[in-house]
N, C-alpha and C. Protein backbone atom coordinates (compact mmCIF):
# COMPACT_ATOMS: atom_id res chain seq x y z
N UNK A 1 -84.08 -72.83 -86.19
CA UNK A 1 -82.33 -71.99 -86.30
C UNK A 1 -81.80 -71.73 -87.54
N UNK A 2 -82.29 -73.04 -88.39
CA UNK A 2 -81.71 -72.63 -90.23
C UNK A 2 -82.41 -71.03 -90.59
N UNK A 3 -83.42 -70.52 -90.17
CA UNK A 3 -83.96 -69.16 -90.50
C UNK A 3 -82.61 -68.27 -89.97
N UNK A 4 -82.43 -68.37 -89.04
CA UNK A 4 -81.67 -67.36 -88.08
C UNK A 4 -80.30 -67.87 -89.18
N UNK A 5 -79.76 -68.49 -89.54
CA UNK A 5 -78.45 -68.73 -90.33
C UNK A 5 -78.70 -67.72 -91.31
N UNK A 6 -79.84 -68.47 -92.06
CA UNK A 6 -80.22 -67.39 -93.46
C UNK A 6 -80.71 -66.21 -93.11
N UNK A 7 -81.35 -65.60 -92.58
CA UNK A 7 -81.07 -64.07 -92.58
C UNK A 7 -79.80 -64.01 -92.18
N UNK A 8 -79.20 -63.79 -91.36
CA UNK A 8 -77.31 -63.72 -91.21
C UNK A 8 -76.60 -63.70 -92.13
N UNK A 9 -76.96 -64.44 -93.13
CA UNK A 9 -76.23 -64.60 -94.06
C UNK A 9 -76.65 -64.32 -94.96
N UNK A 10 -78.23 -63.56 -95.15
CA UNK A 10 -78.40 -62.69 -96.32
C UNK A 10 -78.20 -60.97 -95.66
N UNK A 11 -78.33 -60.58 -94.57
CA UNK A 11 -77.56 -59.68 -93.89
C UNK A 11 -75.97 -59.14 -94.67
N UNK A 12 -75.65 -60.08 -93.91
CA UNK A 12 -74.29 -60.24 -94.14
C UNK A 12 -73.77 -59.51 -96.28
N UNK A 13 -74.51 -60.46 -96.71
CA UNK A 13 -74.28 -60.10 -98.42
C UNK A 13 -75.03 -58.63 -98.96
N UNK A 14 -76.32 -58.49 -97.66
CA UNK A 14 -76.33 -57.02 -98.43
C UNK A 14 -75.06 -55.80 -98.12
N UNK A 15 -74.83 -56.33 -97.14
CA UNK A 15 -73.82 -55.41 -96.53
C UNK A 15 -72.25 -55.48 -97.01
N UNK A 16 -72.28 -56.59 -98.44
CA UNK A 16 -70.47 -56.94 -99.26
C UNK A 16 -71.20 -55.96 -100.22
N UNK A 17 -70.07 -56.13 -100.59
CA UNK A 17 -70.12 -55.87 -102.42
C UNK A 17 -70.07 -57.15 -103.23
N UNK A 18 -70.48 -56.78 -104.61
CA UNK A 18 -70.37 -57.71 -105.88
C UNK A 18 -69.38 -57.69 -106.01
N UNK A 19 -68.05 -58.78 -106.50
CA UNK A 19 -66.64 -58.48 -107.51
C UNK A 19 -66.56 -59.80 -108.19
N UNK A 20 -65.67 -59.14 -108.91
CA UNK A 20 -64.74 -60.18 -109.98
C UNK A 20 -64.02 -60.96 -109.17
N UNK A 21 -63.62 -60.77 -108.03
CA UNK A 21 -62.66 -61.21 -107.12
C UNK A 21 -61.32 -61.07 -107.52
N UNK A 22 -61.02 -60.74 -109.03
CA UNK A 22 -59.62 -60.86 -109.56
C UNK A 22 -59.26 -59.33 -110.02
N UNK A 23 -58.17 -58.46 -110.71
CA UNK A 23 -57.78 -57.86 -110.67
C UNK A 23 -58.92 -56.79 -111.70
N UNK A 24 -59.59 -57.31 -112.73
CA UNK A 24 -60.22 -56.63 -113.37
C UNK A 24 -60.96 -57.08 -114.14
N UNK A 25 -62.58 -56.80 -114.72
CA UNK A 25 -63.37 -57.46 -114.82
C UNK A 25 -63.33 -58.26 -115.96
N UNK A 26 -64.23 -59.34 -116.12
CA UNK A 26 -63.37 -60.03 -117.64
C UNK A 26 -64.58 -59.47 -118.26
N UNK A 27 -64.51 -58.69 -119.52
CA UNK A 27 -65.20 -58.40 -120.28
C UNK A 27 -65.74 -59.29 -121.36
N UNK A 28 -64.91 -59.93 -121.40
CA UNK A 28 -64.94 -61.01 -122.86
C UNK A 28 -65.77 -62.43 -122.91
N UNK A 29 -65.83 -63.02 -121.26
CA UNK A 29 -66.57 -64.01 -120.41
C UNK A 29 -67.66 -63.24 -120.08
N UNK A 30 -68.14 -62.36 -120.29
CA UNK A 30 -69.69 -61.96 -119.43
C UNK A 30 -69.04 -61.58 -117.97
N UNK A 31 -67.63 -61.27 -117.37
CA UNK A 31 -67.71 -60.64 -116.18
C UNK A 31 -68.44 -60.95 -114.96
N UNK A 32 -67.97 -62.46 -114.36
CA UNK A 32 -69.25 -62.90 -113.34
C UNK A 32 -68.47 -61.95 -112.24
N UNK A 33 -69.53 -61.38 -110.91
CA UNK A 33 -69.26 -60.47 -110.40
C UNK A 33 -70.05 -61.67 -108.96
N UNK A 34 -69.63 -61.81 -107.47
CA UNK A 34 -70.08 -62.25 -106.18
C UNK A 34 -69.50 -61.57 -105.19
N UNK A 35 -69.94 -61.94 -104.23
CA UNK A 35 -70.05 -61.18 -102.67
C UNK A 35 -68.70 -61.12 -102.40
N UNK A 36 -68.10 -60.25 -102.10
CA UNK A 36 -66.57 -60.19 -101.32
C UNK A 36 -67.16 -59.32 -99.98
N UNK A 37 -66.05 -59.08 -99.29
CA UNK A 37 -65.63 -58.26 -98.12
C UNK A 37 -65.70 -56.79 -98.42
N UNK A 38 -66.53 -56.02 -97.81
CA UNK A 38 -66.50 -54.41 -98.29
C UNK A 38 -65.27 -53.61 -97.58
N UNK A 39 -65.50 -52.61 -97.71
CA UNK A 39 -64.33 -51.26 -97.15
C UNK A 39 -65.41 -50.19 -96.85
N UNK A 40 -66.06 -50.07 -96.16
CA UNK A 40 -66.95 -49.40 -96.09
C UNK A 40 -66.63 -47.66 -95.69
N UNK A 41 -65.52 -47.89 -94.57
CA UNK A 41 -64.69 -46.54 -94.10
C UNK A 41 -63.61 -46.26 -95.58
N UNK A 42 -63.43 -46.94 -96.34
CA UNK A 42 -62.67 -46.41 -97.55
C UNK A 42 -61.52 -45.84 -97.24
N UNK A 43 -60.68 -46.05 -98.56
CA UNK A 43 -59.44 -45.66 -98.30
C UNK A 43 -59.05 -44.22 -98.82
N UNK A 44 -59.04 -43.05 -98.21
CA UNK A 44 -58.65 -41.76 -98.44
C UNK A 44 -57.01 -41.25 -98.33
N UNK A 45 -57.06 -40.81 -99.65
CA UNK A 45 -55.64 -40.69 -100.50
C UNK A 45 -55.02 -39.34 -100.04
N UNK A 46 -53.75 -39.29 -99.02
CA UNK A 46 -53.19 -37.60 -98.91
C UNK A 46 -53.47 -36.99 -100.41
N UNK A 47 -53.63 -35.66 -100.42
CA UNK A 47 -52.85 -35.34 -101.95
C UNK A 47 -51.44 -34.95 -102.21
N UNK A 48 -50.83 -35.42 -101.88
CA UNK A 48 -49.31 -35.48 -102.31
C UNK A 48 -49.16 -37.10 -102.73
N UNK A 49 -50.30 -38.02 -102.20
CA UNK A 49 -49.90 -39.66 -103.29
C UNK A 49 -50.95 -39.55 -104.08
N UNK A 50 -51.87 -38.94 -104.75
CA UNK A 50 -52.72 -39.26 -105.21
C UNK A 50 -52.36 -39.25 -106.73
N UNK A 51 -52.68 -39.84 -107.08
CA UNK A 51 -52.76 -40.38 -108.85
C UNK A 51 -53.57 -39.38 -109.79
N UNK A 52 -53.32 -39.91 -110.90
CA UNK A 52 -54.70 -38.79 -112.04
C UNK A 52 -55.39 -40.14 -112.24
N UNK A 53 -57.27 -39.98 -112.30
CA UNK A 53 -57.72 -40.60 -112.73
C UNK A 53 -57.43 -40.75 -114.32
N UNK A 54 -58.05 -41.78 -115.16
CA UNK A 54 -57.73 -42.47 -116.15
C UNK A 54 -59.04 -41.64 -116.59
N UNK A 55 -58.33 -41.28 -118.21
CA UNK A 55 -59.59 -40.60 -119.37
C UNK A 55 -60.68 -41.49 -119.67
N UNK A 56 -62.14 -41.26 -119.60
CA UNK A 56 -63.00 -42.00 -120.28
C UNK A 56 -64.20 -41.44 -120.98
N UNK A 57 -64.74 -41.85 -121.88
CA UNK A 57 -66.26 -41.42 -122.53
C UNK A 57 -66.71 -42.70 -122.74
N UNK A 58 -67.61 -41.95 -123.06
CA UNK A 58 -69.26 -43.04 -123.29
C UNK A 58 -70.68 -42.33 -123.61
N UNK A 59 -71.59 -43.08 -123.22
CA UNK A 59 -72.90 -42.98 -123.95
C UNK A 59 -73.69 -42.95 -122.64
N UNK A 60 -74.37 -41.28 -121.68
CA UNK A 60 -75.25 -41.60 -121.03
C UNK A 60 -76.18 -42.48 -121.18
N UNK A 61 -77.13 -42.82 -119.77
CA UNK A 61 -78.52 -43.44 -120.17
C UNK A 61 -79.27 -42.44 -120.82
N UNK A 62 -79.33 -41.25 -120.73
CA UNK A 62 -80.15 -40.47 -121.51
C UNK A 62 -79.51 -40.47 -122.99
N UNK A 63 -78.62 -40.98 -123.16
CA UNK A 63 -78.48 -40.91 -125.17
C UNK A 63 -77.45 -39.60 -125.43
N UNK A 64 -77.07 -39.10 -124.10
CA UNK A 64 -76.05 -37.80 -124.97
C UNK A 64 -74.58 -38.50 -124.32
N UNK A 65 -73.53 -38.38 -125.33
CA UNK A 65 -72.57 -38.23 -125.07
C UNK A 65 -71.52 -37.83 -123.75
N UNK A 66 -70.79 -38.55 -123.21
CA UNK A 66 -70.09 -37.91 -121.75
C UNK A 66 -68.63 -37.94 -122.07
N UNK A 67 -67.68 -37.29 -121.94
CA UNK A 67 -66.58 -36.83 -121.53
C UNK A 67 -65.71 -37.12 -120.39
N UNK A 68 -64.98 -37.24 -119.65
CA UNK A 68 -64.17 -37.36 -117.78
C UNK A 68 -63.96 -36.00 -118.26
N UNK A 69 -63.91 -35.31 -119.28
CA UNK A 69 -63.08 -34.07 -118.97
C UNK A 69 -63.90 -32.59 -118.54
N UNK A 70 -65.55 -33.44 -118.77
CA UNK A 70 -66.31 -32.71 -118.16
C UNK A 70 -66.27 -31.90 -116.54
N UNK A 71 -65.53 -33.15 -116.20
CA UNK A 71 -65.25 -32.81 -114.61
C UNK A 71 -64.24 -32.74 -114.52
N UNK A 72 -63.44 -32.02 -115.01
CA UNK A 72 -62.29 -31.28 -114.35
C UNK A 72 -62.76 -29.76 -113.46
N UNK A 73 -62.19 -29.70 -112.76
CA UNK A 73 -61.91 -28.68 -112.36
C UNK A 73 -63.54 -28.34 -110.59
N UNK A 74 -64.05 -29.57 -111.18
CA UNK A 74 -64.97 -29.87 -109.72
C UNK A 74 -64.35 -31.13 -108.96
N UNK A 75 -65.09 -30.95 -108.21
CA UNK A 75 -64.76 -32.62 -107.45
C UNK A 75 -65.78 -33.41 -107.84
N UNK A 76 -65.62 -34.71 -107.85
CA UNK A 76 -66.36 -35.53 -108.43
C UNK A 76 -66.30 -37.24 -107.94
N UNK A 77 -67.40 -36.95 -107.79
CA UNK A 77 -68.19 -38.84 -107.41
C UNK A 77 -68.42 -39.64 -108.14
N UNK A 78 -67.98 -40.59 -108.52
CA UNK A 78 -67.71 -41.75 -109.33
C UNK A 78 -68.27 -42.96 -108.34
N UNK A 79 -69.94 -43.33 -109.00
CA UNK A 79 -70.16 -44.59 -108.45
C UNK A 79 -70.74 -45.75 -109.20
N UNK A 80 -70.04 -46.66 -109.41
CA UNK A 80 -70.30 -48.17 -110.18
C UNK A 80 -70.79 -48.68 -109.89
N UNK A 81 -72.19 -49.18 -109.90
CA UNK A 81 -73.45 -49.50 -109.83
C UNK A 81 -73.89 -50.40 -110.96
N UNK A 82 -75.37 -51.25 -110.69
CA UNK A 82 -75.80 -52.26 -111.46
C UNK A 82 -77.10 -52.51 -110.59
N UNK A 83 -77.78 -52.72 -111.39
CA UNK A 83 -79.72 -53.03 -111.25
C UNK A 83 -79.78 -54.29 -110.11
N UNK A 84 -78.79 -55.23 -110.33
CA UNK A 84 -79.11 -56.39 -109.84
C UNK A 84 -78.40 -56.44 -108.55
N UNK A 85 -77.59 -55.23 -108.27
CA UNK A 85 -76.50 -55.34 -107.20
C UNK A 85 -77.34 -54.53 -105.57
N UNK A 86 -77.86 -55.54 -105.05
CA UNK A 86 -78.36 -55.31 -103.52
C UNK A 86 -77.57 -54.06 -102.84
N UNK A 87 -76.43 -54.01 -102.24
CA UNK A 87 -76.25 -53.07 -101.63
C UNK A 87 -76.01 -51.39 -102.42
N UNK A 88 -76.35 -51.66 -103.74
CA UNK A 88 -76.57 -50.46 -105.02
C UNK A 88 -77.42 -50.03 -104.21
N UNK A 89 -78.94 -50.68 -104.28
CA UNK A 89 -80.39 -50.02 -103.92
C UNK A 89 -80.31 -49.75 -102.74
N UNK A 90 -79.19 -49.99 -101.97
CA UNK A 90 -79.37 -49.15 -100.43
C UNK A 90 -78.84 -48.05 -100.45
N UNK A 91 -77.47 -47.91 -101.13
CA UNK A 91 -76.80 -46.69 -100.85
C UNK A 91 -77.15 -45.71 -102.74
N UNK A 92 -77.80 -45.93 -103.15
CA UNK A 92 -78.51 -44.62 -104.32
C UNK A 92 -79.37 -43.99 -104.05
N UNK A 93 -80.12 -43.76 -103.30
CA UNK A 93 -80.77 -43.06 -102.56
C UNK A 93 -80.11 -41.85 -101.50
N UNK A 94 -79.39 -42.39 -101.05
CA UNK A 94 -78.54 -41.76 -100.01
C UNK A 94 -77.98 -40.95 -100.98
N UNK A 95 -76.86 -41.25 -101.92
CA UNK A 95 -76.08 -40.48 -102.91
C UNK A 95 -76.89 -39.35 -103.24
N UNK A 96 -78.09 -40.06 -103.75
CA UNK A 96 -79.05 -38.51 -104.52
C UNK A 96 -78.91 -37.68 -103.50
N UNK A 97 -79.51 -37.80 -102.08
CA UNK A 97 -79.80 -36.99 -101.20
C UNK A 97 -78.41 -35.91 -101.12
N UNK A 98 -77.15 -36.84 -101.19
CA UNK A 98 -75.92 -35.76 -100.97
C UNK A 98 -75.65 -35.40 -102.19
N UNK A 99 -76.24 -35.86 -103.12
CA UNK A 99 -76.13 -35.03 -104.42
C UNK A 99 -76.78 -33.65 -104.42
N UNK A 100 -77.77 -33.63 -103.85
CA UNK A 100 -78.97 -32.34 -104.02
C UNK A 100 -78.05 -31.63 -103.24
N UNK A 101 -77.53 -31.86 -101.66
CA UNK A 101 -77.02 -31.02 -101.51
C UNK A 101 -75.78 -30.51 -101.55
N UNK A 102 -75.00 -30.98 -102.19
CA UNK A 102 -73.70 -30.58 -102.65
C UNK A 102 -73.20 -29.97 -104.25
N UNK A 103 -74.47 -30.27 -105.34
CA UNK A 103 -73.92 -30.26 -106.42
C UNK A 103 -73.93 -28.58 -106.91
N UNK A 104 -74.21 -27.85 -105.70
CA UNK A 104 -74.15 -26.22 -105.85
C UNK A 104 -73.11 -25.41 -105.51
N UNK A 105 -72.04 -26.41 -105.23
CA UNK A 105 -70.58 -26.42 -104.35
C UNK A 105 -69.30 -26.94 -105.13
N UNK A 106 -69.46 -27.39 -106.19
CA UNK A 106 -68.46 -27.27 -107.34
C UNK A 106 -68.28 -29.13 -107.21
N UNK A 107 -69.84 -29.72 -107.12
CA UNK A 107 -69.52 -31.20 -106.91
C UNK A 107 -70.55 -31.71 -107.43
N UNK A 108 -70.14 -32.50 -108.84
CA UNK A 108 -70.44 -33.12 -109.50
C UNK A 108 -70.43 -34.64 -109.12
N UNK A 109 -71.79 -35.39 -109.33
CA UNK A 109 -71.86 -36.95 -109.23
C UNK A 109 -71.82 -37.26 -110.50
N UNK A 110 -71.23 -38.62 -110.47
CA UNK A 110 -71.66 -39.51 -112.03
C UNK A 110 -72.04 -41.29 -111.84
N UNK A 111 -72.52 -41.65 -112.30
CA UNK A 111 -72.85 -43.21 -112.19
C UNK A 111 -72.30 -44.04 -113.26
N UNK A 112 -72.29 -44.85 -113.02
CA UNK A 112 -71.09 -45.61 -114.19
C UNK A 112 -72.25 -47.10 -113.90
N UNK A 113 -72.86 -47.52 -114.82
CA UNK A 113 -73.97 -48.81 -114.84
C UNK A 113 -72.99 -49.85 -115.49
N UNK A 114 -72.89 -50.95 -114.78
CA UNK A 114 -72.09 -52.23 -115.33
C UNK A 114 -72.83 -53.10 -115.43
N UNK A 115 -72.73 -53.57 -116.74
CA UNK A 115 -73.12 -55.02 -116.37
C UNK A 115 -74.81 -55.45 -116.46
N UNK A 116 -75.34 -54.39 -117.00
CA UNK A 116 -76.79 -54.54 -117.43
C UNK A 116 -77.63 -54.14 -118.49
N UNK A 117 -78.98 -54.29 -118.49
CA UNK A 117 -79.46 -53.75 -120.23
C UNK A 117 -79.55 -52.57 -119.95
N UNK A 118 -80.00 -51.16 -120.81
CA UNK A 118 -80.26 -50.26 -120.85
C UNK A 118 -81.19 -50.33 -120.25
N UNK A 119 -82.20 -51.18 -120.67
CA UNK A 119 -83.92 -50.98 -119.99
C UNK A 119 -83.77 -50.86 -118.28
N UNK A 120 -82.83 -51.86 -117.85
CA UNK A 120 -82.99 -52.20 -116.22
C UNK A 120 -82.38 -50.94 -116.05
N UNK A 121 -81.50 -50.88 -116.32
CA UNK A 121 -80.33 -49.62 -115.63
C UNK A 121 -81.11 -48.18 -115.53
N UNK A 122 -82.20 -47.85 -116.53
CA UNK A 122 -82.98 -47.08 -116.89
C UNK A 122 -84.23 -46.72 -115.96
N UNK A 123 -84.41 -48.12 -115.93
CA UNK A 123 -85.95 -48.25 -114.60
C UNK A 123 -85.23 -48.54 -113.21
N UNK A 124 -83.98 -48.91 -112.74
CA UNK A 124 -83.07 -48.69 -111.19
C UNK A 124 -83.27 -46.98 -111.40
N UNK A 125 -82.44 -46.26 -112.56
CA UNK A 125 -82.57 -45.38 -112.11
C UNK A 125 -83.97 -44.38 -111.59
N UNK A 126 -85.38 -44.77 -112.54
CA UNK A 126 -86.10 -44.43 -112.31
C UNK A 126 -86.97 -44.45 -110.77
N UNK A 127 -86.79 -45.90 -110.64
CA UNK A 127 -87.59 -46.57 -109.33
C UNK A 127 -86.49 -45.81 -108.22
N UNK A 128 -85.34 -45.07 -108.19
CA UNK A 128 -84.48 -44.28 -106.66
C UNK A 128 -84.85 -42.73 -107.12
N UNK A 129 -85.34 -42.43 -108.01
CA UNK A 129 -85.20 -40.91 -108.09
C UNK A 129 -83.63 -40.45 -108.41
N UNK A 130 -82.93 -40.98 -108.94
CA UNK A 130 -81.97 -40.45 -109.43
C UNK A 130 -81.57 -39.69 -110.59
N UNK A 131 -81.29 -38.07 -110.35
CA UNK A 131 -81.10 -37.11 -111.00
C UNK A 131 -79.93 -36.71 -111.75
N UNK A 132 -78.66 -37.40 -111.18
CA UNK A 132 -77.30 -37.10 -111.76
C UNK A 132 -77.32 -38.37 -112.33
N UNK A 133 -76.48 -37.66 -113.81
CA UNK A 133 -76.22 -38.37 -114.89
C UNK A 133 -75.56 -40.20 -114.39
N UNK A 134 -75.86 -41.13 -115.33
CA UNK A 134 -75.27 -42.38 -115.20
C UNK A 134 -75.10 -42.55 -116.64
N UNK A 135 -73.69 -43.19 -116.53
CA UNK A 135 -72.56 -43.29 -117.62
C UNK A 135 -73.16 -44.70 -117.81
N UNK A 136 -73.88 -45.45 -119.27
CA UNK A 136 -74.01 -46.51 -119.80
C UNK A 136 -72.81 -47.60 -120.19
N UNK A 137 -72.03 -48.59 -119.27
CA UNK A 137 -70.67 -49.05 -119.70
C UNK A 137 -71.15 -51.00 -119.60
N UNK A 138 -72.53 -51.31 -120.08
CA UNK A 138 -72.78 -52.49 -119.90
C UNK A 138 -71.57 -53.80 -120.67
N UNK A 139 -70.67 -53.66 -121.07
CA UNK A 139 -69.03 -54.33 -121.44
C UNK A 139 -68.19 -54.01 -120.21
N UNK A 140 -68.56 -53.02 -119.27
CA UNK A 140 -67.33 -52.18 -118.04
C UNK A 140 -66.06 -52.17 -118.25
N UNK A 141 -66.02 -51.44 -119.37
CA UNK A 141 -64.99 -50.82 -120.36
C UNK A 141 -64.38 -49.60 -119.34
N UNK A 142 -64.95 -48.98 -118.95
CA UNK A 142 -64.95 -48.21 -117.70
C UNK A 142 -64.33 -48.43 -116.64
N UNK A 143 -65.09 -49.51 -115.66
CA UNK A 143 -64.62 -50.49 -115.16
C UNK A 143 -63.03 -50.96 -115.29
N UNK A 144 -62.26 -51.23 -116.05
CA UNK A 144 -61.66 -51.81 -116.44
C UNK A 144 -60.04 -50.52 -116.60
N UNK A 145 -60.70 -49.62 -116.97
CA UNK A 145 -59.79 -48.43 -116.83
C UNK A 145 -59.67 -47.72 -115.43
N UNK A 146 -60.44 -47.96 -114.54
CA UNK A 146 -60.18 -48.03 -112.70
C UNK A 146 -59.59 -48.51 -112.24
N UNK A 147 -59.09 -50.19 -112.79
CA UNK A 147 -58.62 -50.96 -112.14
C UNK A 147 -57.77 -51.44 -111.14
N UNK A 148 -56.82 -50.56 -111.50
CA UNK A 148 -55.49 -50.04 -110.54
C UNK A 148 -56.19 -48.97 -108.98
N UNK A 149 -57.61 -48.98 -108.66
CA UNK A 149 -57.66 -47.75 -108.11
C UNK A 149 -58.30 -48.59 -106.97
N UNK A 150 -59.27 -50.27 -106.44
CA UNK A 150 -59.97 -50.56 -107.78
C UNK A 150 -61.70 -50.48 -108.31
N UNK A 151 -61.65 -50.50 -109.05
CA UNK A 151 -63.45 -50.51 -108.97
C UNK A 151 -64.15 -51.72 -109.29
N UNK A 152 -62.99 -52.99 -109.29
CA UNK A 152 -63.80 -53.96 -109.63
C UNK A 152 -64.84 -54.56 -109.07
N UNK A 153 -65.44 -54.13 -108.00
CA UNK A 153 -66.76 -54.61 -107.29
C UNK A 153 -67.59 -53.52 -107.29
N UNK A 154 -68.72 -54.19 -107.31
CA UNK A 154 -70.13 -53.59 -107.27
C UNK A 154 -70.71 -53.67 -105.68
N UNK A 155 -70.82 -51.91 -105.47
CA UNK A 155 -70.75 -51.11 -105.34
C UNK A 155 -69.46 -50.82 -105.32
N UNK A 156 -68.96 -49.69 -106.06
CA UNK A 156 -67.72 -48.62 -106.04
C UNK A 156 -67.60 -47.24 -105.86
N UNK A 157 -67.04 -46.77 -105.35
CA UNK A 157 -67.07 -45.14 -105.70
C UNK A 157 -66.06 -44.70 -105.39
N UNK A 158 -65.49 -44.20 -106.09
CA UNK A 158 -64.23 -43.48 -106.11
C UNK A 158 -64.56 -41.57 -106.44
N UNK A 159 -63.55 -40.96 -105.60
CA UNK A 159 -64.09 -39.73 -105.64
C UNK A 159 -62.99 -38.82 -106.48
N UNK A 160 -63.32 -37.98 -106.95
CA UNK A 160 -61.87 -36.82 -107.66
C UNK A 160 -61.50 -36.01 -107.41
N UNK A 161 -60.51 -35.58 -106.46
CA UNK A 161 -60.32 -34.08 -106.36
C UNK A 161 -60.46 -32.92 -107.48
N UNK A 162 -60.65 -31.22 -107.40
CA UNK A 162 -60.48 -30.62 -108.59
C UNK A 162 -59.47 -31.16 -109.66
N UNK A 163 -58.10 -31.34 -109.08
CA UNK A 163 -56.99 -31.81 -110.29
C UNK A 163 -57.43 -32.97 -110.81
N UNK A 164 -58.39 -33.97 -110.89
CA UNK A 164 -59.02 -35.06 -111.64
C UNK A 164 -58.42 -36.21 -110.99
N UNK A 165 -57.40 -35.62 -109.63
CA UNK A 165 -57.13 -37.57 -109.22
C UNK A 165 -57.65 -37.95 -108.69
N UNK A 166 -57.35 -39.35 -108.02
CA UNK A 166 -58.53 -39.93 -107.46
C UNK A 166 -58.05 -40.04 -105.82
N UNK A 167 -58.94 -39.26 -105.33
CA UNK A 167 -58.45 -38.88 -103.90
C UNK A 167 -59.26 -39.72 -102.42
N UNK A 168 -60.32 -40.37 -102.72
CA UNK A 168 -60.50 -41.55 -102.34
C UNK A 168 -61.59 -42.78 -103.16
N UNK A 169 -61.10 -44.05 -102.20
CA UNK A 169 -61.71 -45.21 -103.12
C UNK A 169 -62.51 -45.97 -101.89
N UNK A 170 -63.85 -46.49 -102.10
CA UNK A 170 -64.65 -47.15 -101.40
C UNK A 170 -65.09 -48.27 -101.91
N UNK A 171 -64.83 -49.49 -101.70
CA UNK A 171 -65.03 -50.81 -101.72
C UNK A 171 -66.54 -51.32 -101.01
N UNK A 172 -67.93 -50.98 -102.05
CA UNK A 172 -68.53 -51.39 -100.80
C UNK A 172 -69.68 -50.93 -100.85
N UNK A 173 -70.52 -50.35 -100.03
CA UNK A 173 -71.90 -49.78 -99.82
C UNK A 173 -71.05 -48.12 -98.85
N UNK A 174 -71.33 -46.61 -99.47
CA UNK A 174 -70.71 -45.31 -98.62
C UNK A 174 -71.93 -44.83 -97.87
N UNK A 175 -71.63 -45.05 -96.93
CA UNK A 175 -72.46 -44.37 -96.28
C UNK A 175 -72.50 -42.57 -96.12
N UNK A 176 -73.69 -41.68 -96.08
CA UNK A 176 -73.77 -40.42 -96.23
C UNK A 176 -72.66 -39.60 -95.33
N UNK A 177 -72.75 -39.88 -94.55
CA UNK A 177 -71.96 -39.48 -93.28
C UNK A 177 -69.95 -39.22 -94.25
N UNK A 178 -69.80 -41.11 -93.86
CA UNK A 178 -68.52 -40.99 -94.69
C UNK A 178 -68.72 -40.14 -96.10
N UNK A 179 -69.83 -39.94 -96.86
CA UNK A 179 -69.33 -39.63 -98.23
C UNK A 179 -69.32 -37.67 -97.95
N UNK A 180 -69.76 -37.34 -97.43
CA UNK A 180 -69.95 -35.89 -97.15
C UNK A 180 -68.79 -35.41 -96.25
N UNK A 181 -67.75 -36.29 -95.43
CA UNK A 181 -66.89 -35.78 -94.61
C UNK A 181 -65.95 -36.18 -95.57
N UNK A 182 -65.56 -36.49 -96.58
CA UNK A 182 -64.72 -37.42 -97.49
C UNK A 182 -65.00 -36.13 -98.76
N UNK A 183 -65.88 -35.44 -99.41
CA UNK A 183 -66.37 -34.17 -100.40
C UNK A 183 -66.09 -33.26 -99.22
N UNK A 184 -66.80 -32.88 -98.33
CA UNK A 184 -66.29 -31.61 -97.51
C UNK A 184 -64.62 -31.18 -97.07
N UNK A 185 -63.96 -32.50 -97.12
CA UNK A 185 -62.76 -32.68 -96.83
C UNK A 185 -62.07 -31.77 -98.06
N UNK A 186 -62.16 -32.42 -99.02
CA UNK A 186 -61.33 -32.27 -100.52
C UNK A 186 -61.64 -30.56 -101.21
N UNK A 187 -62.61 -30.42 -101.10
CA UNK A 187 -63.94 -28.69 -100.88
C UNK A 187 -62.52 -28.08 -99.92
N UNK A 188 -62.41 -28.36 -98.89
CA UNK A 188 -61.86 -27.54 -98.02
C UNK A 188 -60.21 -27.53 -99.01
N UNK A 189 -59.99 -28.31 -99.58
CA UNK A 189 -57.92 -28.47 -99.85
C UNK A 189 -57.58 -26.87 -100.88
N UNK A 190 -56.59 -26.62 -100.82
CA UNK A 190 -56.46 -25.28 -101.63
C UNK A 190 -56.48 -26.01 -103.24
N UNK A 191 -56.96 -25.48 -104.02
CA UNK A 191 -56.31 -25.74 -105.43
C UNK A 191 -57.96 -25.30 -106.08
């Protein structure tokens, strides 16, 4: 019986996301993450109610500089992840598949690696065969910029429309079907 209970708890943790449990990630004290209930269906925001995404910049894992202005005019999928996050290991290969399907359609993917060392983040990218870029954000500064949407759970995914407005927010693992549906919906919008 004890094994069954432990197995069920382990499964529940894999389906949950990791979070600070507050409105922001505590940058100065190491920002502890914990598991919280996920929102796998996400929240899709109607076009008239969308807020502009904050601008951000930083260094990609490959050492190149990046600015969020590079996303302008495209639909963008921002995925907040870390190597230590079990749910991230589940969704990353699926994100890669969707990225390969839609990147020629005006859709960009950007990973945002938080609370990691560069070596561990690079190993995660290599292990999962990720070819879309990832911003290295060990102090979670970009996460703080998105705290109003919220992106304080790991994994979190924020989808931006062509006008760089937040069109969808997912806290927890996003299925390929949900991701494809929201991308298709945003691509079909006029603009």
